Amino acid sequence: MKRFALVCLLATGAIAAHAETFIDNARVRGVEPQYENVAAPRQECSTQVVNEQRPVGGGPNYGGAVVGGVVGGLLGNQVGRGHGREAATAAGAVVGALTGNQLAGNQPQQYEVVPREVTNCRTVTEVQARLTGYRVHYDWHGQQYSTFMRESPGPNLQVRVSVEPVVR
């Protein structure tokens, strides 16, 4: 296996020794820019002000129950006698508190309008053309060739010419 690799290496070296390489100039016939399309995503956001209704008075209303309980307790105290008076006062306070809470709860709810900012974002994909290089068409000794290059070569292009004899 090592001998085979050595023989191939020597054969390649012998052929390369017979080849002659030089630099020559070719005339450029045309240059075409080459582009590729690249997707470029970006975020596009907008902010809007919306009006939101919120109830006024954040917590429960205990005022109706308290007032109703006091009024019911006073009325119950007027009705009963002895131990019955204590029971009538307690029952009047409970019934008054329930009635006062019910009356306070039947009040129409009031709302206020509060402005609030809302931000909405979306991804927008733009396709951009990016220059990748140039397709160059050139003539060398009456033959036409084409190659791809990163930069535009100008009116002339240097070419590497390799000449080797044909073995028959």
Protein backbone atom coordinates (compact mmCIF):
# COMPACT_ATOMS: atom_id res chain seq x y z
CA MET A 1 0.00 0.00 0.00
CA LYS A 2 2.84 2.41 0.88
CA ARG A 3 4.64 1.48 -2.34
CA PHE A 4 1.53 2.26 -4.41
CA ALA A 5 1.21 5.71 -2.80
CA LEU A 6 4.89 6.38 -3.42
CA VAL A 7 4.60 5.37 -7.08
CA CYS A 8 1.55 7.67 -7.55
CA LEU A 9 3.40 10.57 -5.93
CA LEU A 10 6.45 10.09 -8.17
CA ALA A 11 4.28 9.84 -11.30
CA THR A 12 2.45 13.04 -10.43
CA GLY A 13 5.75 14.81 -9.80
CA ALA A 14 7.15 13.65 -13.14
CA ILE A 15 4.11 14.91 -15.03
CA ALA A 16 4.21 18.23 -13.18
CA ALA A 17 7.89 18.60 -14.03
CA HIS A 18 7.01 18.53 -17.74
CA ALA A 19 4.16 21.07 -17.40
CA GLU A 20 4.93 24.73 -18.04
CA THR A 21 2.84 27.41 -16.33
CA PHE A 22 2.75 31.14 -17.10
CA ILE A 23 0.52 34.21 -16.63
CA ASP A 24 -1.12 35.93 -19.63
CA ASN A 25 -3.74 38.66 -20.14
CA ALA A 26 -7.24 38.01 -21.51
CA ARG A 27 -9.72 40.60 -22.83
CA VAL A 28 -12.93 40.94 -20.76
CA ARG A 29 -16.05 40.86 -22.97
CA GLY A 30 -18.69 41.37 -20.29
CA VAL A 31 -19.33 41.54 -16.54
CA GLU A 32 -22.69 40.63 -14.98
CA PRO A 33 -23.31 41.31 -11.27
CA GLN A 34 -24.71 38.26 -9.46
CA TYR A 35 -27.19 38.67 -6.59
CA GLU A 36 -28.82 36.42 -4.03
CA ASN A 37 -32.05 37.17 -2.19
CA VAL A 38 -31.73 37.29 1.58
CA ALA A 39 -34.72 37.40 3.97
CA ALA A 40 -34.27 40.01 6.72
CA PRO A 41 -36.92 39.76 9.48
CA ARG A 42 -37.59 42.78 11.71
CA GLN A 43 -40.09 43.78 14.40
CA GLU A 44 -42.64 46.47 13.58
CA CYS A 45 -44.52 47.80 16.63
CA SER A 46 -47.30 50.35 17.04
CA THR A 47 -48.79 51.85 20.19
CA GLN A 48 -52.46 52.82 20.50
CA VAL A 49 -54.41 54.45 23.31
CA VAL A 50 -57.66 52.63 24.16
CA ASN A 51 -60.33 53.71 26.65
CA GLU A 52 -61.17 51.16 29.31
CA GLN A 53 -64.13 51.32 31.72
CA ARG A 54 -63.36 50.54 35.37
CA PRO A 55 -65.82 50.49 38.30
CA VAL A 56 -65.53 53.43 40.72
CA GLY A 57 -64.99 52.53 44.39
CA GLY A 58 -62.82 49.51 44.63
CA GLY A 59 -64.06 47.62 47.72
CA PRO A 60 -67.32 46.31 49.17
CA ASN A 61 -69.81 48.85 50.58
CA TYR A 62 -70.51 48.05 54.25
CA GLY A 63 -72.24 51.37 55.01
CA GLY A 64 -75.74 50.10 54.15
CA ALA A 65 -75.37 47.03 56.39
CA VAL A 66 -74.08 49.11 59.34
CA VAL A 67 -76.82 51.74 59.07
CA GLY A 68 -79.48 49.06 58.56
CA GLY A 69 -78.18 47.09 61.57
CA VAL A 70 -78.29 50.15 63.85
CA VAL A 71 -81.79 51.17 62.73
CA GLY A 72 -83.07 47.57 63.00
CA GLY A 73 -81.54 47.21 66.48
CA LEU A 74 -83.22 50.44 67.69
CA LEU A 75 -86.61 49.36 66.33
CA GLY A 76 -86.27 45.88 67.84
CA ASN A 77 -85.35 47.39 71.19
CA GLN A 78 -88.63 49.39 71.17
CA VAL A 79 -90.77 46.29 70.55
CA GLY A 80 -89.68 43.75 73.16
CA ARG A 81 -89.69 43.61 77.02
CA GLY A 82 -87.31 41.82 79.38
CA HIS A 83 -85.38 39.01 77.76
CA GLY A 84 -87.61 39.41 74.73
CA ARG A 85 -86.26 42.91 74.30
CA GLU A 86 -82.69 41.54 73.87
CA ALA A 87 -83.92 38.96 71.34
CA ALA A 88 -85.98 41.58 69.49
CA THR A 89 -82.96 43.95 69.42
CA ALA A 90 -80.69 41.20 68.01
CA ALA A 91 -83.29 40.08 65.45
CA GLY A 92 -83.94 43.71 64.42
CA ALA A 93 -80.20 44.33 64.00
CA VAL A 94 -79.81 41.23 61.78
CA VAL A 95 -82.89 42.01 59.67
CA GLY A 96 -81.87 45.69 59.42
CA ALA A 97 -78.31 44.81 58.40
CA LEU A 98 -79.56 42.44 55.67
CA THR A 99 -82.08 45.01 54.42
CA GLY A 100 -79.50 47.85 54.49
CA ASN A 101 -76.95 45.72 52.62
CA GLN A 102 -79.57 44.82 50.00
CA LEU A 103 -80.55 48.47 49.52
CA ALA A 104 -76.87 49.57 49.26
CA GLY A 105 -76.18 46.75 46.77
CA ASN A 106 -79.04 47.84 44.48
CA GLN A 107 -77.34 51.13 43.75
CA PRO A 108 -76.33 51.38 40.08
CA GLN A 109 -72.61 50.71 39.59
CA GLN A 110 -70.64 53.74 38.43
CA TYR A 111 -67.75 53.52 36.00
CA GLU A 112 -64.94 55.81 34.98
CA VAL A 113 -63.17 55.83 31.60
CA VAL A 114 -59.41 55.34 31.93
CA PRO A 115 -57.05 55.62 28.92
CA ARG A 116 -54.52 52.77 28.56
CA GLU A 117 -51.66 52.23 26.08
CA VAL A 118 -51.64 48.97 24.11
CA THR A 119 -48.57 47.95 22.07
CA ASN A 120 -48.97 45.53 19.16
CA CYS A 121 -45.91 44.02 17.42
CA ARG A 122 -45.57 41.89 14.32
CA THR A 123 -42.65 40.39 12.41
CA VAL A 124 -42.14 41.78 8.92
CA THR A 125 -39.82 39.91 6.55
CA GLU A 126 -38.13 41.99 3.88
CA VAL A 127 -36.30 40.36 0.98
CA GLN A 128 -33.08 42.16 0.10
CA ALA A 129 -30.83 41.53 -2.89
CA ARG A 130 -27.18 41.09 -1.85
CA LEU A 131 -24.29 41.24 -4.32
CA THR A 132 -22.35 37.96 -4.25
CA GLY A 133 -19.90 38.57 -7.09
CA TYR A 134 -19.61 38.87 -10.87
CA ARG A 135 -20.00 36.52 -13.83
CA VAL A 136 -17.06 37.48 -16.09
CA HIS A 137 -16.95 36.56 -19.80
CA TYR A 138 -13.52 36.84 -21.44
CA ASP A 139 -11.54 35.93 -24.60
CA TRP A 140 -8.12 34.33 -24.61
CA HIS A 141 -6.44 33.47 -27.92
CA GLY A 142 -9.75 33.37 -29.82
CA GLN A 143 -11.52 31.13 -27.27
CA GLN A 144 -14.37 32.35 -25.08
CA TYR A 145 -14.45 31.54 -21.37
CA SER A 146 -16.60 32.42 -18.37
CA THR A 147 -15.82 32.46 -14.65
CA PHE A 148 -17.21 33.76 -11.35
CA MET A 149 -15.21 36.39 -9.43
CA ARG A 150 -15.75 38.28 -6.15
CA GLU A 151 -14.69 41.62 -7.70
CA SER A 152 -15.07 43.14 -11.15
CA PRO A 153 -11.73 42.66 -12.99
CA GLY A 154 -11.83 45.70 -15.29
CA PRO A 155 -11.03 45.58 -19.04
CA ASN A 156 -8.36 42.84 -18.75
CA LEU A 157 -8.06 39.66 -16.72
CA GLN A 158 -4.90 37.81 -15.80
CA VAL A 159 -5.15 34.07 -16.51
CA ARG A 160 -2.81 31.25 -15.49
CA VAL A 161 -1.96 29.05 -18.44
CA SER A 162 -0.60 25.56 -17.96
CA VAL A 163 0.92 23.79 -20.93
CA GLU A 164 1.96 20.16 -20.91
CA PRO A 165 2.72 17.76 -23.73
CA VAL A 166 0.24 15.10 -24.68
CA VAL A 167 1.81 11.67 -24.24
CA ARG A 168 0.77 9.08 -26.86
